[in-house]
Amino acid sequence: MTLSGMNSTSHPLSGVFLAVVSSFFNGSTFVLQRKGILRCRRTGVSYLTDGVWWSGTVAMIIGQIGNFLAYNLAPAAMVTPLGAVGVLFGSVLASWILQEHLNLLGKLACVLCCCGSVVLIVHGPKSESVTSRLELEQRLSDPVFVTFVVLVLVLLVVLIVWAAPVHGSSNIMVYVSICSLLGSFTVPSSKGLGLAAQDIFGGGAASDGGAVALFLGLLGALVVSILVQFFFINKALQCFSSNIFEAIYYVTFTSTVMVASALLFREWSTLTFTDALVTVCGFATVSVGVTLLRMSQEASITWKKKEGGEKRE
């Protein structure tokens, strides 16, 4: 299947399969990078020299490539929530590699994540409302979407320039917010690249250079957003638990991506009221599961600290 053919025909099941596989890679990313950072912290060397950290980085690259393909085969509103599979896998992996074991609450959270993901697959939007480069260009110039982008950029500037240096190491929401807001550019850019590629590589009418300009612009936005996310994810993993960060990041990232996709691609317009309601309930179920997962991890960390204090006494 070529890039030019990705958006011409809907392949939601292929997109779902790629999204699930990519989630396993993405779920291992935070755990492996956190492990590498902790190992290097004990030895006093840079984590850039650690093989485990690099294995997490490679997993992230593979996962992002898979996500790129998945976003061009299925609606973002269906693909993005499936990141819950990565949260689930990351929790299991963390219990083995980082010795962060799941309690009863954590196991219940994993069940909710799985159930919510199934609901999202069954009832989520399965067709695209934007199928050409010209339609995409019209949506990009829509005043509502332009206003949304400006607000996101302003928030990012405030968070990166002021909040991150002052509160980043003490408040996990600073780094989470930065990475999640950047998702507003990552996912639409991934889908937009597939649409622009139809004209460039599929023999479309691109003589005006519009397709090439759009492709390069979206590619630049995608690369910058991924690199900035990568930088702040590692900043967060130096200060916070991988499980806690991944759980909160999943909910906020999914929320911002679904808002951006709704404004730009209007995927939700293809749903009936019943399917839309059930999809929202499915996402709420996944969000509750992720929240419980975070609570279980915090409880485990608190219990370990208390146990360690008692042993020292």
C-alpha atoms as a PDB file:
ATOM      1  CA  MET A   1       0.000   0.000   0.000  1.00  0.00           C
ATOM      2  CA  THR A   2       1.416   3.370  -1.030  1.00  0.00           C
ATOM      3  CA  LEU A   3       1.164   6.662   0.782  1.00  0.00           C
ATOM      4  CA  SER A   4      -1.028   8.012  -1.944  1.00  0.00           C
ATOM      5  CA  GLY A   5      -3.536   5.247  -1.416  1.00  0.00           C
ATOM      6  CA  MET A   6      -3.871   5.498   2.304  1.00  0.00           C
ATOM      7  CA  ASN A   7      -6.568   8.115   2.400  1.00  0.00           C
ATOM      8  CA  SER A   8      -8.321   7.243  -0.783  1.00  0.00           C
ATOM      9  CA  THR A   9      -9.834   4.157   0.807  1.00  0.00           C
ATOM     10  CA  SER A  10     -10.732   3.694   4.447  1.00  0.00           C
ATOM     11  CA  HIS A  11      -8.817   0.909   6.221  1.00  0.00           C
ATOM     12  CA  PRO A  12      -9.976   1.310   9.837  1.00  0.00           C
ATOM     13  CA  LEU A  13      -9.182  -2.266  10.882  1.00  0.00           C
ATOM     14  CA  SER A  14      -5.613  -1.970   9.562  1.00  0.00           C
ATOM     15  CA  GLY A  15      -5.273   1.328  11.395  1.00  0.00           C
ATOM     16  CA  VAL A  16      -6.559  -0.223  14.622  1.00  0.00           C
ATOM     17  CA  PHE A  17      -4.119  -3.130  14.299  1.00  0.00           C
ATOM     18  CA  LEU A  18      -1.162  -0.787  13.729  1.00  0.00           C
ATOM     19  CA  ALA A  19      -2.292   1.436  16.607  1.00  0.00           C
ATOM     20  CA  VAL A  20      -2.414  -1.505  19.015  1.00  0.00           C
ATOM     21  CA  VAL A  21       1.011  -2.789  17.930  1.00  0.00           C
ATOM     22  CA  SER A  22       2.464   0.722  18.176  1.00  0.00           C
ATOM     23  CA  SER A  23       1.005   1.081  21.669  1.00  0.00           C
ATOM     24  CA  PHE A  24       3.131  -1.825  22.863  1.00  0.00           C
ATOM     25  CA  PHE A  25       6.262  -0.054  21.639  1.00  0.00           C
ATOM     26  CA  ASN A  26       5.132   3.296  23.039  1.00  0.00           C
ATOM     27  CA  GLY A  27       4.210   1.670  26.354  1.00  0.00           C
ATOM     28  CA  SER A  28       7.725   0.305  26.746  1.00  0.00           C
ATOM     29  CA  THR A  29       9.348   3.631  25.852  1.00  0.00           C
ATOM     30  CA  PHE A  30       8.816   5.451  29.153  1.00  0.00           C
ATOM     31  CA  VAL A  31       9.755   2.410  31.246  1.00  0.00           C
ATOM     32  CA  LEU A  32      12.993   1.704  29.387  1.00  0.00           C
ATOM     33  CA  GLN A  33      14.045   5.347  29.295  1.00  0.00           C
ATOM     34  CA  ARG A  34      13.250   5.731  33.000  1.00  0.00           C
ATOM     35  CA  LYS A  35      15.301   2.608  33.743  1.00  0.00           C
ATOM     36  CA  GLY A  36      18.224   4.001  31.775  1.00  0.00           C
ATOM     37  CA  ILE A  37      18.010   7.356  33.545  1.00  0.00           C
ATOM     38  CA  LEU A  38      17.971   5.696  36.987  1.00  0.00           C
ATOM     39  CA  ARG A  39      20.922   3.454  36.097  1.00  0.00           C
ATOM     40  CA  CYS A  40      22.999   6.398  34.934  1.00  0.00           C
ATOM     41  CA  ARG A  41      22.021   8.471  37.945  1.00  0.00           C
ATOM     42  CA  ARG A  42      23.589   5.816  40.192  1.00  0.00           C
ATOM     43  CA  THR A  43      26.802   5.671  38.152  1.00  0.00           C
ATOM     44  CA  GLY A  44      27.003   9.420  37.558  1.00  0.00           C
ATOM     45  CA  VAL A  45      27.157   9.268  33.735  1.00  0.00           C
ATOM     46  CA  SER A  46      24.897  10.705  31.053  1.00  0.00           C
ATOM     47  CA  TYR A  47      21.872   8.613  30.121  1.00  0.00           C
ATOM     48  CA  LEU A  48      22.847   9.213  26.483  1.00  0.00           C
ATOM     49  CA  THR A  49      25.517   6.529  26.992  1.00  0.00           C
ATOM     50  CA  ASP A  50      23.096   3.924  28.343  1.00  0.00           C
ATOM     51  CA  GLY A  51      21.931   1.033  26.138  1.00  0.00           C
ATOM     52  CA  VAL A  52      18.610   0.606  27.953  1.00  0.00           C
ATOM     53  CA  TRP A  53      17.736   4.266  27.419  1.00  0.00           C
ATOM     54  CA  TRP A  54      18.549   3.934  23.723  1.00  0.00           C
ATOM     55  CA  SER A  55      16.372   0.825  23.460  1.00  0.00           C
ATOM     56  CA  GLY A  56      13.502   2.937  24.788  1.00  0.00           C
ATOM     57  CA  THR A  57      14.303   5.607  22.219  1.00  0.00           C
ATOM     58  CA  VAL A  58      14.275   3.046  19.399  1.00  0.00           C
ATOM     59  CA  ALA A  59      10.931   1.749  20.695  1.00  0.00           C
ATOM     60  CA  MET A  60       9.593   5.311  20.564  1.00  0.00           C
ATOM     61  CA  ILE A  61      10.737   5.727  16.948  1.00  0.00           C
ATOM     62  CA  ILE A  62       9.076   2.459  15.908  1.00  0.00           C
ATOM     63  CA  GLY A  63       5.927   3.402  17.782  1.00  0.00           C
ATOM     64  CA  GLN A  64       5.766   6.830  16.145  1.00  0.00           C
ATOM     65  CA  ILE A  65       6.185   5.327  12.678  1.00  0.00           C
ATOM     66  CA  GLY A  66       3.362   2.918  13.444  1.00  0.00           C
ATOM     67  CA  ASN A  67       1.190   5.759  14.710  1.00  0.00           C
ATOM     68  CA  PHE A  68       1.875   7.774  11.568  1.00  0.00           C
ATOM     69  CA  LEU A  69       0.643   4.908   9.409  1.00  0.00           C
ATOM     70  CA  ALA A  70      -2.322   4.225  11.694  1.00  0.00           C
ATOM     71  CA  TYR A  71      -3.492   7.857  11.590  1.00  0.00           C
ATOM     72  CA  ASN A  72      -3.532   7.678   7.808  1.00  0.00           C
ATOM     73  CA  LEU A  73      -5.552   4.458   7.757  1.00  0.00           C
ATOM     74  CA  ALA A  74      -8.196   5.193  10.390  1.00  0.00           C
ATOM     75  CA  PRO A  75      -9.815   8.239  12.032  1.00  0.00           C
ATOM     76  CA  ALA A  76      -7.740   9.878  14.782  1.00  0.00           C
ATOM     77  CA  ALA A  77     -10.735   9.681  17.121  1.00  0.00           C
ATOM     78  CA  MET A  78     -10.463   5.880  16.857  1.00  0.00           C
ATOM     79  CA  VAL A  79      -6.665   5.528  16.879  1.00  0.00           C
ATOM     80  CA  THR A  80      -5.679   7.927  19.668  1.00  0.00           C
ATOM     81  CA  PRO A  81      -7.688   6.364  22.533  1.00  0.00           C
ATOM     82  CA  LEU A  82      -6.054   3.011  21.825  1.00  0.00           C
ATOM     83  CA  GLY A  83      -2.990   4.403  23.566  1.00  0.00           C
ATOM     84  CA  ALA A  84      -4.637   2.932  26.672  1.00  0.00           C
ATOM     85  CA  VAL A  85      -3.175  -0.396  25.542  1.00  0.00           C
ATOM     86  CA  GLY A  86       0.263   1.188  25.884  1.00  0.00           C
ATOM     87  CA  VAL A  87      -0.555   2.408  29.401  1.00  0.00           C
ATOM     88  CA  LEU A  88      -1.618  -1.120  30.333  1.00  0.00           C
ATOM     89  CA  PHE A  89       1.501  -2.707  28.830  1.00  0.00           C
ATOM     90  CA  GLY A  90       3.724  -0.042  30.393  1.00  0.00           C
ATOM     91  CA  SER A  91       2.303  -0.807  33.843  1.00  0.00           C
ATOM     92  CA  VAL A  92       2.975  -4.521  33.441  1.00  0.00           C
ATOM     93  CA  LEU A  93       6.486  -3.840  32.141  1.00  0.00           C
ATOM     94  CA  ALA A  94       7.188  -1.396  34.975  1.00  0.00           C
ATOM     95  CA  SER A  95       6.212  -4.019  37.550  1.00  0.00           C
ATOM     96  CA  TRP A  96       8.910  -6.273  36.085  1.00  0.00           C
ATOM     97  CA  ILE A  97      11.697  -3.835  35.182  1.00  0.00           C
ATOM     98  CA  LEU A  98      11.168  -1.070  37.753  1.00  0.00           C
ATOM     99  CA  GLN A  99       9.610  -3.272  40.447  1.00  0.00           C
ATOM    100  CA  GLU A 100       6.447  -1.163  40.511  1.00  0.00           C
ATOM    101  CA  HIS A 101       3.874  -3.905  41.141  1.00  0.00           C
ATOM    102  CA  LEU A 102       0.141  -3.520  40.507  1.00  0.00           C
ATOM    103  CA  ASN A 103      -2.224  -3.779  43.473  1.00  0.00           C
ATOM    104  CA  LEU A 104      -5.921  -4.690  43.275  1.00  0.00           C
ATOM    105  CA  LEU A 105      -6.836  -1.137  42.274  1.00  0.00           C
ATOM    106  CA  GLY A 106      -4.273  -1.215  39.493  1.00  0.00           C
ATOM    107  CA  LYS A 107      -5.632  -4.491  38.132  1.00  0.00           C
ATOM    108  CA  LEU A 108      -9.165  -3.045  38.120  1.00  0.00           C
ATOM    109  CA  ALA A 109      -7.811  -0.018  36.253  1.00  0.00           C
ATOM    110  CA  CYS A 110      -6.294  -2.271  33.589  1.00  0.00           C
ATOM    111  CA  VAL A 111      -9.652  -4.014  33.074  1.00  0.00           C
ATOM    112  CA  LEU A 112     -11.394  -0.642  32.651  1.00  0.00           C
ATOM    113  CA  CYS A 113      -8.777   0.488  30.122  1.00  0.00           C
ATOM    114  CA  CYS A 114      -9.276  -2.652  28.055  1.00  0.00           C
ATOM    115  CA  CYS A 115     -13.091  -2.462  28.182  1.00  0.00           C
ATOM    116  CA  GLY A 116     -13.093   1.227  27.265  1.00  0.00           C
ATOM    117  CA  SER A 117     -10.742   0.611  24.344  1.00  0.00           C
ATOM    118  CA  VAL A 118     -13.006  -2.106  22.943  1.00  0.00           C
ATOM    119  CA  VAL A 119     -15.990   0.263  23.124  1.00  0.00           C
ATOM    120  CA  LEU A 120     -14.027   2.950  21.295  1.00  0.00           C
ATOM    121  CA  ILE A 121     -13.075   0.526  18.514  1.00  0.00           C
ATOM    122  CA  VAL A 122     -16.639  -0.684  18.023  1.00  0.00           C
ATOM    123  CA  HIS A 123     -18.444   2.668  18.202  1.00  0.00           C
ATOM    124  CA  GLY A 124     -15.767   5.200  17.153  1.00  0.00           C
ATOM    125  CA  PRO A 125     -15.874   7.016  13.793  1.00  0.00           C
ATOM    126  CA  LYS A 126     -14.841   4.745  10.940  1.00  0.00           C
ATOM    127  CA  SER A 127     -14.929   7.141   7.978  1.00  0.00           C
ATOM    128  CA  GLU A 128     -13.070  10.307   7.025  1.00  0.00           C
ATOM    129  CA  SER A 129     -14.795  13.638   6.361  1.00  0.00           C
ATOM    130  CA  VAL A 130     -11.641  15.173   4.807  1.00  0.00           C
ATOM    131  CA  THR A 131     -10.340  13.101   1.905  1.00  0.00           C
ATOM    132  CA  SER A 132      -8.321  15.525  -0.227  1.00  0.00           C
ATOM    133  CA  ARG A 133      -5.581  18.119   0.049  1.00  0.00           C
ATOM    134  CA  LEU A 134      -7.908  20.943  -1.046  1.00  0.00           C
ATOM    135  CA  GLU A 135     -10.406  20.100   1.691  1.00  0.00           C
ATOM    136  CA  LEU A 136      -7.573  20.037   4.223  1.00  0.00           C
ATOM    137  CA  GLU A 137      -6.334  23.479   3.115  1.00  0.00           C
ATOM    138  CA  GLN A 138      -9.839  24.879   3.558  1.00  0.00           C
ATOM    139  CA  ARG A 139     -10.073  23.431   7.062  1.00  0.00           C
ATOM    140  CA  LEU A 140      -6.625  24.758   8.002  1.00  0.00           C
ATOM    141  CA  SER A 141      -7.773  28.300   7.209  1.00  0.00           C
ATOM    142  CA  ASP A 142     -11.000  27.949   9.189  1.00  0.00           C
ATOM    143  CA  PRO A 143     -11.153  30.781  11.795  1.00  0.00           C
ATOM    144  CA  VAL A 144     -12.140  28.403  14.592  1.00  0.00           C
ATOM    145  CA  PHE A 145      -9.175  26.117  13.962  1.00  0.00           C
ATOM    146  CA  VAL A 146      -6.798  29.078  13.528  1.00  0.00           C
ATOM    147  CA  THR A 147      -7.968  30.474  16.886  1.00  0.00           C
ATOM    148  CA  PHE A 148      -7.387  27.070  18.491  1.00  0.00           C
ATOM    149  CA  VAL A 149      -3.835  26.890  17.095  1.00  0.00           C
ATOM    150  CA  VAL A 150      -3.015  30.410  18.315  1.00  0.00           C
ATOM    151  CA  LEU A 151      -4.268  29.587  21.825  1.00  0.00           C
ATOM    152  CA  VAL A 152      -2.211  26.386  21.891  1.00  0.00           C
ATOM    153  CA  LEU A 153       0.925  28.244  20.767  1.00  0.00           C
ATOM    154  CA  VAL A 154       0.444  30.924  23.439  1.00  0.00           C
ATOM    155  CA  LEU A 155       0.017  28.268  26.133  1.00  0.00           C
ATOM    156  CA  LEU A 156       3.114  26.433  24.912  1.00  0.00           C
ATOM    157  CA  VAL A 157       5.219  29.592  25.019  1.00  0.00           C
ATOM    158  CA  VAL A 158       4.084  30.331  28.589  1.00  0.00           C
ATOM    159  CA  LEU A 159       4.696  26.756  29.724  1.00  0.00           C
ATOM    160  CA  ILE A 160       8.100  26.354  28.054  1.00  0.00           C
ATOM    161  CA  VAL A 161       9.519  29.812  28.789  1.00  0.00           C
ATOM    162  CA  TRP A 162       8.140  30.407  32.291  1.00  0.00           C
ATOM    163  CA  ALA A 163       6.491  27.379  33.888  1.00  0.00           C
ATOM    164  CA  ALA A 164       8.983  24.644  32.943  1.00  0.00           C
ATOM    165  CA  PRO A 165      12.137  26.298  34.394  1.00  0.00           C
ATOM    166  CA  VAL A 166      10.349  27.288  37.609  1.00  0.00           C
ATOM    167  CA  HIS A 167       7.841  24.509  38.321  1.00  0.00           C
ATOM    168  CA  GLY A 168       8.757  21.665  35.953  1.00  0.00           C
ATOM    169  CA  SER A 169      10.674  19.536  38.443  1.00  0.00           C
ATOM    170  CA  SER A 170       8.003  19.824  41.158  1.00  0.00           C
ATOM    171  CA  ASN A 171       4.725  19.792  39.209  1.00  0.00           C
ATOM    172  CA  ILE A 172       4.208  16.904  36.791  1.00  0.00           C
ATOM    173  CA  MET A 173       1.389  18.739  35.000  1.00  0.00           C
ATOM    174  CA  VAL A 174       3.852  21.227  33.478  1.00  0.00           C
ATOM    175  CA  TYR A 175       5.677  18.640  31.385  1.00  0.00           C
ATOM    176  CA  VAL A 176       2.464  16.694  30.744  1.00  0.00           C
ATOM    177  CA  SER A 177       0.735  19.831  29.455  1.00  0.00           C
ATOM    178  CA  ILE A 178       3.602  20.705  27.125  1.00  0.00           C
ATOM    179  CA  CYS A 179       3.740  17.226  25.591  1.00  0.00           C
ATOM    180  CA  SER A 180      -0.041  16.955  25.326  1.00  0.00           C
ATOM    181  CA  LEU A 181      -0.510  20.339  23.669  1.00  0.00           C
ATOM    182  CA  LEU A 182       2.171  19.422  21.133  1.00  0.00           C
ATOM    183  CA  GLY A 183      -0.034  16.475  20.221  1.00  0.00           C
ATOM    184  CA  SER A 184      -2.392  19.053  18.704  1.00  0.00           C
ATOM    185  CA  PHE A 185       0.228  19.430  15.965  1.00  0.00           C
ATOM    186  CA  THR A 186       1.635  15.877  15.835  1.00  0.00           C
ATOM    187  CA  VAL A 187      -1.546  13.980  14.959  1.00  0.00           C
ATOM    188  CA  PRO A 188      -3.119  16.462  12.480  1.00  0.00           C
ATOM    189  CA  SER A 189       0.277  16.793  10.787  1.00  0.00           C
ATOM    190  CA  SER A 190       0.555  13.009  10.441  1.00  0.00           C
ATOM    191  CA  LYS A 191      -2.875  12.762   8.822  1.00  0.00           C
ATOM    192  CA  GLY A 192      -2.285  15.855   6.695  1.00  0.00           C
ATOM    193  CA  LEU A 193       0.966  14.441   5.319  1.00  0.00           C
ATOM    194  CA  GLY A 194      -0.920  11.440   4.017  1.00  0.00           C
ATOM    195  CA  LEU A 195      -3.426  13.689   2.240  1.00  0.00           C
ATOM    196  CA  ALA A 196      -0.731  15.907   0.714  1.00  0.00           C
ATOM    197  CA  ALA A 197       1.181  12.829  -0.416  1.00  0.00           C
ATOM    198  CA  GLN A 198      -1.759  11.862  -2.639  1.00  0.00           C
ATOM    199  CA  ASP A 199      -1.036  14.818  -4.929  1.00  0.00           C
ATOM    200  CA  ILE A 200       2.764  14.601  -4.743  1.00  0.00           C
ATOM    201  CA  PHE A 201       3.306  10.864  -5.121  1.00  0.00           C
ATOM    202  CA  GLY A 202       0.007   9.801  -6.614  1.00  0.00           C
ATOM    203  CA  GLY A 203       0.065  11.777  -9.827  1.00  0.00           C
ATOM    204  CA  GLY A 204      -2.298  14.490  -8.589  1.00  0.00           C
ATOM    205  CA  ALA A 205      -2.326  18.059  -9.842  1.00  0.00           C
ATOM    206  CA  ALA A 206       0.451  19.602  -7.814  1.00  0.00           C
ATOM    207  CA  SER A 207       1.837  21.915 -10.484  1.00  0.00           C
ATOM    208  CA  ASP A 208       0.976  24.978  -8.421  1.00  0.00           C
ATOM    209  CA  GLY A 209       3.359  23.808  -5.722  1.00  0.00           C
ATOM    210  CA  GLY A 210       0.575  23.900  -3.137  1.00  0.00           C
ATOM    211  CA  ALA A 211       0.860  20.226  -2.303  1.00  0.00           C
ATOM    212  CA  VAL A 212       4.643  20.432  -1.891  1.00  0.00           C
ATOM    213  CA  ALA A 213       4.407  23.528   0.315  1.00  0.00           C
ATOM    214  CA  LEU A 214       1.726  21.908   2.475  1.00  0.00           C
ATOM    215  CA  PHE A 215       3.703  18.678   2.717  1.00  0.00           C
ATOM    216  CA  LEU A 216       6.901  20.455   3.794  1.00  0.00           C
ATOM    217  CA  GLY A 217       5.029  22.663   6.265  1.00  0.00           C
ATOM    218  CA  LEU A 218       3.282  19.715   7.904  1.00  0.00           C
ATOM    219  CA  LEU A 219       6.517  17.705   7.919  1.00  0.00           C
ATOM    220  CA  GLY A 220       8.309  20.562   9.679  1.00  0.00           C
ATOM    221  CA  ALA A 221       5.530  20.890  12.261  1.00  0.00           C
ATOM    222  CA  LEU A 222       5.594  17.122  12.854  1.00  0.00           C
ATOM    223  CA  VAL A 223       9.371  16.929  13.305  1.00  0.00           C
ATOM    224  CA  VAL A 224       9.535  19.951  15.628  1.00  0.00           C
ATOM    225  CA  SER A 225       6.626  18.769  17.767  1.00  0.00           C
ATOM    226  CA  ILE A 226       8.078  15.253  18.119  1.00  0.00           C
ATOM    227  CA  LEU A 227      11.558  16.530  19.028  1.00  0.00           C
ATOM    228  CA  VAL A 228      10.212  18.974  21.619  1.00  0.00           C
ATOM    229  CA  GLN A 229       7.985  16.251  23.081  1.00  0.00           C
ATOM    230  CA  PHE A 230      10.976  13.907  23.223  1.00  0.00           C
ATOM    231  CA  PHE A 231      13.008  16.497  25.122  1.00  0.00           C
ATOM    232  CA  PHE A 232      10.341  17.216  27.742  1.00  0.00           C
ATOM    233  CA  ILE A 233       9.372  13.561  28.150  1.00  0.00           C
ATOM    234  CA  ASN A 234      12.939  12.842  29.210  1.00  0.00           C
ATOM    235  CA  LYS A 235      12.906  15.867  31.497  1.00  0.00           C
ATOM    236  CA  ALA A 236       9.777  14.451  33.141  1.00  0.00           C
ATOM    237  CA  LEU A 237      11.219  10.941  33.477  1.00  0.00           C
ATOM    238  CA  GLN A 238      14.183  12.382  35.378  1.00  0.00           C
ATOM    239  CA  CYS A 239      11.802  13.634  38.064  1.00  0.00           C
ATOM    240  CA  PHE A 240       8.665  11.461  38.078  1.00  0.00           C
ATOM    241  CA  SER A 241       7.538   7.842  37.932  1.00  0.00           C
ATOM    242  CA  SER A 242       7.141   6.522  34.394  1.00  0.00           C
ATOM    243  CA  ASN A 243       3.744   5.003  35.203  1.00  0.00           C
ATOM    244  CA  ILE A 244       2.317   8.146  36.726  1.00  0.00           C
ATOM    245  CA  PHE A 245       3.595  10.305  33.880  1.00  0.00           C
ATOM    246  CA  GLU A 246       2.342   7.936  31.180  1.00  0.00           C
ATOM    247  CA  ALA A 247      -1.118   7.631  32.745  1.00  0.00           C
ATOM    248  CA  ILE A 248      -1.720  11.380  33.047  1.00  0.00           C
ATOM    249  CA  TYR A 249      -0.076  12.022  29.684  1.00  0.00           C
ATOM    250  CA  TYR A 250      -2.406   9.552  27.990  1.00  0.00           C
ATOM    251  CA  VAL A 251      -5.588  11.283  29.193  1.00  0.00           C
ATOM    252  CA  THR A 252      -4.427  14.824  28.417  1.00  0.00           C
ATOM    253  CA  PHE A 253      -2.810  13.884  25.089  1.00  0.00           C
ATOM    254  CA  THR A 254      -5.919  12.030  23.933  1.00  0.00           C
ATOM    255  CA  SER A 255      -8.160  14.923  24.960  1.00  0.00           C
ATOM    256  CA  THR A 256      -6.183  17.569  23.065  1.00  0.00           C
ATOM    257  CA  VAL A 257      -5.802  15.364  19.975  1.00  0.00           C
ATOM    258  CA  MET A 258      -9.507  14.588  19.851  1.00  0.00           C
ATOM    259  CA  VAL A 259     -10.341  18.290  20.133  1.00  0.00           C
ATOM    260  CA  ALA A 260      -7.880  19.189  17.370  1.00  0.00           C
ATOM    261  CA  SER A 261      -9.147  16.372  15.142  1.00  0.00           C
ATOM    262  CA  ALA A 262     -12.753  17.344  15.770  1.00  0.00           C
ATOM    263  CA  LEU A 263     -12.033  20.927  14.702  1.00  0.00           C
ATOM    264  CA  LEU A 264      -9.858  20.081  11.702  1.00  0.00           C
ATOM    265  CA  PHE A 265     -11.153  16.793  10.324  1.00  0.00           C
ATOM    266  CA  ARG A 266     -14.659  16.794  11.852  1.00  0.00           C
ATOM    267  CA  GLU A 267     -14.580  13.028  12.201  1.00  0.00           C
ATOM    268  CA  TRP A 268     -17.345  13.147  14.790  1.00  0.00           C
ATOM    269  CA  SER A 269     -19.785  14.459  12.180  1.00  0.00           C
ATOM    270  CA  THR A 270     -19.990  10.939  10.697  1.00  0.00           C
ATOM    271  CA  LEU A 271     -21.313   9.430  13.948  1.00  0.00           C
ATOM    272  CA  THR A 272     -24.907   8.956  14.999  1.00  0.00           C
ATOM    273  CA  PHE A 273     -25.944  10.453  18.320  1.00  0.00           C
ATOM    274  CA  THR A 274     -25.982   7.004  19.949  1.00  0.00           C
ATOM    275  CA  ASP A 275     -22.496   6.090  18.717  1.00  0.00           C
ATOM    276  CA  ALA A 276     -21.151   9.491  19.779  1.00  0.00           C
ATOM    277  CA  LEU A 277     -22.626   9.075  23.262  1.00  0.00           C
ATOM    278  CA  VAL A 278     -21.279   5.538  23.627  1.00  0.00           C
ATOM    279  CA  THR A 279     -17.854   6.675  22.354  1.00  0.00           C
ATOM    280  CA  VAL A 280     -17.722   9.451  24.951  1.00  0.00           C
ATOM    281  CA  CYS A 281     -18.667   6.912  27.632  1.00  0.00           C
ATOM    282  CA  GLY A 282     -15.920   4.602  26.364  1.00  0.00           C
ATOM    283  CA  PHE A 283     -13.337   7.358  26.603  1.00  0.00           C
ATOM    284  CA  ALA A 284     -14.636   8.246  30.084  1.00  0.00           C
ATOM    285  CA  THR A 285     -14.223   4.591  31.100  1.00  0.00           C
ATOM    286  CA  VAL A 286     -10.647   4.544  29.842  1.00  0.00           C
ATOM    287  CA  SER A 287      -9.921   7.851  31.610  1.00  0.00           C
ATOM    288  CA  VAL A 288     -11.278   6.483  34.889  1.00  0.00           C
ATOM    289  CA  GLY A 289      -9.146   3.388  34.437  1.00  0.00           C
ATOM    290  CA  VAL A 290      -6.035   5.464  33.813  1.00  0.00           C
ATOM    291  CA  THR A 291      -6.821   7.661  36.833  1.00  0.00           C
ATOM    292  CA  LEU A 292      -7.216   4.583  39.049  1.00  0.00           C
ATOM    293  CA  LEU A 293      -3.963   3.253  37.653  1.00  0.00           C
ATOM    294  CA  ARG A 294      -2.237   6.458  38.685  1.00  0.00           C
ATOM    295  CA  MET A 295      -3.791   6.246  42.166  1.00  0.00           C
ATOM    296  CA  SER A 296      -2.643   2.653  42.540  1.00  0.00           C
ATOM    297  CA  GLN A 297       0.907   3.581  41.581  1.00  0.00           C
ATOM    298  CA  GLU A 298       0.945   6.493  44.033  1.00  0.00           C
ATOM    299  CA  ALA A 299      -0.362   4.194  46.778  1.00  0.00           C
ATOM    300  CA  SER A 300       2.368   1.663  46.011  1.00  0.00           C
ATOM    301  CA  ILE A 301       5.078   4.336  46.140  1.00  0.00           C
ATOM    302  CA  THR A 302       3.727   5.688  49.432  1.00  0.00           C
ATOM    303  CA  TRP A 303       3.589   2.179  50.909  1.00  0.00           C
ATOM    304  CA  LYS A 304       7.180   1.460  49.840  1.00  0.00           C
ATOM    305  CA  LYS A 305       8.416   4.698  51.426  1.00  0.00           C
ATOM    306  CA  LYS A 306       6.582   3.910  54.637  1.00  0.00           C
ATOM    307  CA  GLU A 307       7.931   0.352  54.678  1.00  0.00           C
ATOM    308  CA  GLY A 308      11.444   1.644  54.073  1.00  0.00           C
ATOM    309  CA  GLY A 309      11.106   4.095  56.956  1.00  0.00           C
ATOM    310  CA  GLU A 310       9.941   1.372  59.311  1.00  0.00           C
ATOM    311  CA  LYS A 311      12.876  -0.845  58.377  1.00  0.00           C
ATOM    312  CA  ARG A 312      15.368   1.949  59.072  1.00  0.00           C
ATOM    313  CA  GLU A 313      13.786   2.461  62.500  1.00  0.00           C
END
